Amino acid sequence: MKKLQILGGGCARCETLAEMTEAAAKKLGIEYKIEKVTDLMEITNFGVMTTPALVVDGVVVVSGKVPTADEIEKLIGG
């Protein structure tokens, strides 16, 4: 099961990233758990300074932007 984390304070871009990530996981048919991380200390512990960010199984794969749906599929599908 993939652990997908969305790092951010709950802004519109963070919500968009969460929705797109969940849609991509469903499209790929992978088992996943999605978690929204809003605590600033926890976000900085990942080394992220710009949100939103996507973390897959503990690894930051993108930060500071909302990738396209195709990019998200590639990031979480591997």
N, C-alpha and C. Protein backbone atom coordinates (compact mmCIF):
# COMPACT_ATOMS: atom_id res chain seq x y z
N MET A 1 0.84 -1.18 0.00
CA MET A 1 0.00 0.00 0.00
C MET A 1 0.89 1.24 0.00
N LYS A 2 0.58 2.16 -0.90
CA LYS A 2 1.34 3.41 -0.99
C LYS A 2 0.81 4.40 0.04
N LYS A 3 1.74 5.09 0.68
CA LYS A 3 1.38 6.16 1.60
C LYS A 3 1.60 7.47 0.86
N LEU A 4 0.51 8.19 0.61
CA LEU A 4 0.55 9.46 -0.11
C LEU A 4 0.23 10.57 0.87
N GLN A 5 1.12 11.54 0.95
CA GLN A 5 0.92 12.66 1.87
C GLN A 5 0.93 13.96 1.09
N ILE A 6 -0.03 14.81 1.41
CA ILE A 6 -0.11 16.15 0.84
C ILE A 6 0.32 17.11 1.93
N LEU A 7 1.39 17.85 1.68
CA LEU A 7 1.89 18.80 2.66
C LEU A 7 1.42 20.20 2.30
N GLY A 8 0.78 20.86 3.24
CA GLY A 8 0.33 22.23 3.01
C GLY A 8 -0.69 22.66 4.02
N GLY A 9 -0.94 23.93 4.05
CA GLY A 9 -1.83 24.51 5.05
C GLY A 9 -3.30 24.43 4.75
N GLY A 10 -3.67 23.78 3.67
CA GLY A 10 -5.08 23.69 3.32
C GLY A 10 -5.53 24.72 2.31
N CYS A 11 -4.59 25.34 1.62
CA CYS A 11 -4.92 26.34 0.60
C CYS A 11 -5.57 25.65 -0.61
N ALA A 12 -6.05 26.45 -1.53
CA ALA A 12 -6.73 25.90 -2.71
C ALA A 12 -5.80 24.99 -3.52
N ARG A 13 -4.53 25.38 -3.66
CA ARG A 13 -3.58 24.54 -4.43
C ARG A 13 -3.34 23.22 -3.72
N CYS A 14 -3.31 23.23 -2.39
CA CYS A 14 -3.13 22.00 -1.62
C CYS A 14 -4.32 21.07 -1.82
N GLU A 15 -5.51 21.64 -1.79
CA GLU A 15 -6.72 20.84 -1.99
C GLU A 15 -6.76 20.26 -3.41
N THR A 16 -6.35 21.06 -4.39
CA THR A 16 -6.30 20.58 -5.77
C THR A 16 -5.33 19.42 -5.90
N LEU A 17 -4.15 19.55 -5.29
CA LEU A 17 -3.16 18.47 -5.34
C LEU A 17 -3.71 17.22 -4.69
N ALA A 18 -4.40 17.36 -3.57
CA ALA A 18 -4.98 16.20 -2.88
C ALA A 18 -6.01 15.50 -3.77
N GLU A 19 -6.89 16.28 -4.38
CA GLU A 19 -7.93 15.71 -5.24
C GLU A 19 -7.32 15.01 -6.46
N MET A 20 -6.34 15.66 -7.07
CA MET A 20 -5.71 15.08 -8.26
C MET A 20 -4.92 13.82 -7.91
N THR A 21 -4.27 13.81 -6.76
CA THR A 21 -3.50 12.64 -6.33
C THR A 21 -4.44 11.47 -6.08
N GLU A 22 -5.54 11.72 -5.40
CA GLU A 22 -6.50 10.65 -5.13
C GLU A 22 -7.09 10.11 -6.43
N ALA A 23 -7.42 10.99 -7.35
CA ALA A 23 -7.96 10.56 -8.64
C ALA A 23 -6.94 9.71 -9.41
N ALA A 24 -5.67 10.12 -9.37
CA ALA A 24 -4.62 9.37 -10.07
C ALA A 24 -4.44 7.99 -9.47
N ALA A 25 -4.47 7.90 -8.14
CA ALA A 25 -4.31 6.60 -7.47
C ALA A 25 -5.47 5.67 -7.83
N LYS A 26 -6.67 6.21 -7.86
CA LYS A 26 -7.84 5.40 -8.23
C LYS A 26 -7.73 4.95 -9.69
N LYS A 27 -7.32 5.85 -10.57
CA LYS A 27 -7.18 5.51 -11.99
C LYS A 27 -6.15 4.40 -12.19
N LEU A 28 -5.06 4.46 -11.43
CA LEU A 28 -4.00 3.45 -11.54
C LEU A 28 -4.38 2.14 -10.86
N GLY A 29 -5.40 2.19 -10.02
CA GLY A 29 -5.85 0.98 -9.34
C GLY A 29 -4.90 0.51 -8.25
N ILE A 30 -4.16 1.43 -7.66
CA ILE A 30 -3.22 1.03 -6.60
C ILE A 30 -3.89 1.18 -5.24
N GLU A 31 -3.42 0.38 -4.30
CA GLU A 31 -3.88 0.54 -2.92
C GLU A 31 -3.11 1.70 -2.33
N TYR A 32 -3.82 2.58 -1.65
CA TYR A 32 -3.16 3.76 -1.12
C TYR A 32 -3.87 4.25 0.13
N LYS A 33 -3.13 5.03 0.88
CA LYS A 33 -3.67 5.78 2.01
C LYS A 33 -3.23 7.21 1.79
N ILE A 34 -4.17 8.15 1.83
CA ILE A 34 -3.81 9.55 1.62
C ILE A 34 -3.95 10.29 2.95
N GLU A 35 -2.98 11.15 3.20
CA GLU A 35 -2.95 11.90 4.45
C GLU A 35 -2.60 13.35 4.14
N LYS A 36 -3.33 14.26 4.75
CA LYS A 36 -3.03 15.68 4.61
C LYS A 36 -2.23 16.13 5.83
N VAL A 37 -1.06 16.68 5.59
CA VAL A 37 -0.18 17.15 6.66
C VAL A 37 -0.22 18.68 6.64
N THR A 38 -0.76 19.26 7.72
CA THR A 38 -0.89 20.71 7.77
C THR A 38 0.00 21.35 8.84
N ASP A 39 0.59 20.53 9.70
CA ASP A 39 1.44 21.05 10.77
C ASP A 39 2.76 21.56 10.19
N LEU A 40 3.06 22.84 10.43
CA LEU A 40 4.24 23.48 9.85
C LEU A 40 5.54 22.78 10.26
N MET A 41 5.64 22.36 11.50
CA MET A 41 6.86 21.67 11.96
C MET A 41 7.04 20.34 11.23
N GLU A 42 5.95 19.62 11.05
CA GLU A 42 6.03 18.34 10.34
C GLU A 42 6.42 18.55 8.88
N ILE A 43 5.87 19.60 8.27
CA ILE A 43 6.20 19.92 6.88
C ILE A 43 7.68 20.25 6.75
N THR A 44 8.20 21.09 7.66
CA THR A 44 9.62 21.45 7.57
C THR A 44 10.53 20.26 7.88
N ASN A 45 10.04 19.29 8.66
CA ASN A 45 10.83 18.08 8.91
C ASN A 45 11.07 17.29 7.63
N PHE A 46 10.22 17.47 6.64
CA PHE A 46 10.42 16.83 5.33
C PHE A 46 11.43 17.63 4.50
N GLY A 47 11.81 18.81 4.97
CA GLY A 47 12.72 19.67 4.21
C GLY A 47 11.99 20.51 3.19
N VAL A 48 10.68 20.59 3.30
CA VAL A 48 9.87 21.35 2.35
C VAL A 48 9.71 22.78 2.84
N MET A 49 10.04 23.71 1.97
CA MET A 49 9.90 25.13 2.30
C MET A 49 8.76 25.79 1.52
N THR A 50 8.34 25.16 0.44
CA THR A 50 7.27 25.70 -0.40
C THR A 50 6.20 24.64 -0.62
N THR A 51 4.97 25.00 -0.29
CA THR A 51 3.87 24.06 -0.48
C THR A 51 3.04 24.49 -1.68
N PRO A 52 2.24 23.61 -2.23
CA PRO A 52 1.99 22.26 -1.76
C PRO A 52 3.12 21.32 -2.12
N ALA A 53 3.15 20.18 -1.44
CA ALA A 53 4.14 19.16 -1.74
C ALA A 53 3.47 17.80 -1.69
N LEU A 54 4.01 16.87 -2.48
CA LEU A 54 3.52 15.50 -2.51
C LEU A 54 4.63 14.58 -2.04
N VAL A 55 4.30 13.74 -1.06
CA VAL A 55 5.24 12.78 -0.51
C VAL A 55 4.70 11.38 -0.80
N VAL A 56 5.53 10.53 -1.40
CA VAL A 56 5.15 9.16 -1.70
C VAL A 56 6.05 8.24 -0.89
N ASP A 57 5.44 7.47 0.00
CA ASP A 57 6.18 6.52 0.84
C ASP A 57 7.37 7.19 1.53
N GLY A 58 7.15 8.40 2.06
CA GLY A 58 8.17 9.08 2.84
C GLY A 58 9.16 9.90 2.04
N VAL A 59 9.03 9.93 0.71
CA VAL A 59 9.96 10.66 -0.15
C VAL A 59 9.23 11.82 -0.81
N VAL A 60 9.77 13.03 -0.65
CA VAL A 60 9.18 14.20 -1.31
C VAL A 60 9.44 14.08 -2.80
N VAL A 61 8.38 14.04 -3.60
CA VAL A 61 8.55 13.89 -5.05
C VAL A 61 8.29 15.19 -5.80
N VAL A 62 7.58 16.12 -5.18
CA VAL A 62 7.35 17.42 -5.80
C VAL A 62 6.98 18.41 -4.70
N SER A 63 7.45 19.65 -4.86
CA SER A 63 7.04 20.70 -3.91
C SER A 63 6.99 22.03 -4.62
N GLY A 64 6.11 22.89 -4.12
CA GLY A 64 6.01 24.24 -4.65
C GLY A 64 5.14 24.39 -5.88
N LYS A 65 4.53 23.31 -6.35
CA LYS A 65 3.66 23.41 -7.53
C LYS A 65 2.67 22.27 -7.53
N VAL A 66 1.65 22.42 -8.35
CA VAL A 66 0.69 21.34 -8.57
C VAL A 66 1.02 20.74 -9.93
N PRO A 67 1.53 19.51 -9.94
CA PRO A 67 1.88 18.88 -11.22
C PRO A 67 0.62 18.52 -12.00
N THR A 68 0.80 18.18 -13.27
CA THR A 68 -0.34 17.74 -14.09
C THR A 68 -0.78 16.36 -13.63
N ALA A 69 -1.96 15.96 -14.08
CA ALA A 69 -2.48 14.63 -13.74
C ALA A 69 -1.53 13.54 -14.22
N ASP A 70 -0.98 13.69 -15.42
CA ASP A 70 -0.04 12.70 -15.96
C ASP A 70 1.22 12.62 -15.11
N GLU A 71 1.72 13.77 -14.69
CA GLU A 71 2.92 13.78 -13.84
C GLU A 71 2.65 13.08 -12.51
N ILE A 72 1.49 13.33 -11.93
CA ILE A 72 1.15 12.68 -10.66
C ILE A 72 1.10 11.17 -10.83
N GLU A 73 0.49 10.72 -11.91
CA GLU A 73 0.42 9.27 -12.16
C GLU A 73 1.82 8.67 -12.23
N LYS A 74 2.74 9.33 -12.91
CA LYS A 74 4.11 8.84 -13.01
C LYS A 74 4.79 8.83 -11.64
N LEU A 75 4.54 9.87 -10.85
CA LEU A 75 5.19 9.99 -9.53
C LEU A 75 4.71 8.93 -8.55
N ILE A 76 3.45 8.58 -8.61
CA ILE A 76 2.92 7.62 -7.62
C ILE A 76 2.84 6.20 -8.16
N GLY A 77 2.95 6.05 -9.47
CA GLY A 77 2.75 4.73 -10.07
C GLY A 77 3.94 3.80 -9.99
N GLY A 78 5.14 4.34 -9.79
CA GLY A 78 6.35 3.54 -9.83
C GLY A 78 6.61 2.74 -8.60
